[in-house]
Protein backbone atom coordinates (compact mmCIF):
# COMPACT_ATOMS: atom_id res chain seq x y z
CA UNK A 1 0.00 0.00 0.00
CA UNK A 2 1.17 3.49 -0.80
CA UNK A 3 1.15 5.90 2.14
CA UNK A 4 -1.18 8.88 1.53
CA UNK A 5 1.75 11.29 1.93
CA UNK A 6 3.58 9.52 -0.93
CA UNK A 7 0.74 10.10 -3.40
CA UNK A 8 0.66 12.86 -5.95
CA UNK A 9 -1.53 15.80 -4.85
CA UNK A 10 -4.36 15.04 -7.30
CA UNK A 11 -4.66 11.43 -6.15
CA UNK A 12 -4.47 12.50 -2.51
CA UNK A 13 -7.34 14.98 -3.06
CA UNK A 14 -9.44 12.37 -4.87
CA UNK A 15 -8.95 9.78 -2.14
CA UNK A 16 -9.65 12.35 0.57
CA UNK A 17 -12.83 13.40 -1.23
CA UNK A 18 -13.97 9.77 -1.54
CA UNK A 19 -13.14 9.05 2.13
CA UNK A 20 -15.42 11.92 3.21
CA UNK A 21 -18.35 9.97 1.76
CA UNK A 22 -17.88 7.39 4.53
CA UNK A 23 -18.91 7.76 8.16
CA UNK A 24 -16.63 7.26 11.14
CA UNK A 25 -17.84 3.65 11.34
CA UNK A 26 -17.04 2.99 7.67
CA UNK A 27 -20.57 3.20 6.23
CA UNK A 28 -21.15 4.94 2.92
CA UNK A 29 -23.16 8.01 3.90
CA UNK A 30 -23.78 9.52 0.49
CA UNK A 31 -23.34 8.60 -3.14
CA UNK A 32 -20.33 10.50 -4.53
CA UNK A 33 -21.04 12.90 -7.38
CA UNK A 34 -17.89 12.15 -9.41
CA UNK A 35 -17.74 8.86 -11.27
CA UNK A 36 -14.16 8.14 -10.19
CA UNK A 37 -15.22 8.54 -6.54
CA UNK A 38 -18.26 6.32 -7.12
CA UNK A 39 -16.02 3.57 -8.46
CA UNK A 40 -13.73 3.83 -5.44
CA UNK A 41 -16.76 3.57 -3.13
CA UNK A 42 -17.94 0.49 -5.02
CA UNK A 43 -14.54 -1.16 -4.60
CA UNK A 44 -14.80 -0.55 -0.84
CA UNK A 45 -18.24 -2.18 -0.77
CA UNK A 46 -17.03 -5.04 -2.99
CA UNK A 47 -14.16 -5.69 -0.57
CA UNK A 48 -16.68 -6.38 2.22
CA UNK A 49 -18.62 -8.99 0.26
CA UNK A 50 -17.96 -12.70 0.79
CA UNK A 51 -15.55 -13.97 -1.84
CA UNK A 52 -17.01 -17.34 -2.64
CA UNK A 53 -20.40 -18.91 -2.85
CA UNK A 54 -23.74 -17.91 -4.17
CA UNK A 55 -25.91 -15.17 -2.76
CA UNK A 56 -29.59 -14.62 -3.31
CA UNK A 57 -30.83 -11.19 -4.32
CA UNK A 58 -32.30 -10.86 -0.81
CA UNK A 59 -28.90 -11.65 0.74
CA UNK A 60 -27.15 -9.07 -1.44
CA UNK A 61 -29.80 -6.46 -0.61
CA UNK A 62 -29.50 -7.16 3.11
CA UNK A 63 -25.70 -6.80 3.01
CA UNK A 64 -25.83 -3.60 1.00
CA UNK A 65 -28.38 -2.09 3.40
CA UNK A 66 -25.96 -2.57 6.29
CA UNK A 67 -23.07 -0.85 4.50
CA UNK A 68 -24.65 2.47 3.55
CA UNK A 69 -26.93 5.17 4.94
CA UNK A 70 -28.57 6.74 1.89
CA UNK A 71 -31.12 3.96 1.30
CA UNK A 72 -30.47 3.08 -2.33
CA UNK A 73 -29.18 -0.48 -2.21
CA UNK A 74 -30.60 -1.08 -5.72
CA UNK A 75 -28.26 1.57 -7.13
CA UNK A 76 -25.29 -0.07 -5.40
CA UNK A 77 -26.25 -3.56 -6.61
CA UNK A 78 -26.72 -2.34 -10.19
CA UNK A 79 -23.43 -0.41 -10.18
CA UNK A 80 -21.52 -3.40 -8.75
CA UNK A 81 -22.86 -5.49 -11.64
CA UNK A 82 -22.03 -2.82 -14.23
CA UNK A 83 -18.42 -2.67 -13.02
CA UNK A 84 -18.28 -6.48 -13.17
CA UNK A 85 -17.60 -6.68 -9.45
CA UNK A 86 -20.76 -8.72 -9.00
CA UNK A 87 -22.45 -11.04 -11.49
CA UNK A 88 -25.95 -12.38 -11.50
CA UNK A 89 -27.82 -15.08 -13.31
CA UNK A 90 -30.10 -13.93 -16.15
CA UNK A 91 -33.14 -14.21 -13.89
CA UNK A 92 -31.40 -12.18 -11.15
CA UNK A 93 -31.91 -14.88 -8.54
CA UNK A 94 -28.26 -15.75 -7.83
CA UNK A 95 -25.31 -13.36 -7.39
CA UNK A 96 -21.59 -14.04 -7.12
CA UNK A 97 -18.77 -11.70 -6.25
CA UNK A 98 -16.26 -11.56 -9.10
CA UNK A 99 -12.65 -12.11 -8.08
CA UNK A 100 -10.38 -9.14 -8.81
CA UNK A 101 -7.19 -7.66 -7.45
CA UNK A 102 -8.05 -4.59 -5.40
CA UNK A 103 -6.74 -1.48 -7.20
CA UNK A 104 -4.04 0.43 -5.34
CA UNK A 105 -6.21 3.55 -4.94
CA UNK A 106 -9.05 1.48 -3.47
CA UNK A 107 -6.65 -0.21 -1.05
CA UNK A 108 -5.34 3.18 0.06
CA UNK A 109 -8.92 4.43 0.47
CA UNK A 110 -9.71 1.43 2.69
CA UNK A 111 -6.79 2.40 4.92
CA UNK A 112 -7.95 6.02 5.03
CA UNK A 113 -11.44 4.90 6.05
CA UNK A 114 -10.00 2.58 8.68
CA UNK A 115 -7.92 5.48 10.06
CA UNK A 116 -11.12 7.55 10.34
CA UNK A 117 -12.76 4.82 12.41
CA UNK A 118 -9.83 4.40 14.80
């Protein structure tokens, strides 16, 4: 992980802006307005999902409800699928988290959020 002080100023500002969307307990409080910040927030949510096994739509909805405060779990579920972080069967009954390497910026954001909660 790259320390926040070692980042270029633009990346540091972007990560700081994205971190402000999360509460002190790590919940997403509001949907970021910039697409790059939205994607970072989705990576944070993705990182909290179980890595293997099938999930029903109800299970995914229940998890997403516990990780944010702005009451639009459908938006989060749809965006996770659009970024190919989550896949579903054609009928939408079964979901699976897609395995990816966590991008460096998302990993740094996770550490910034964790520092907020400490």
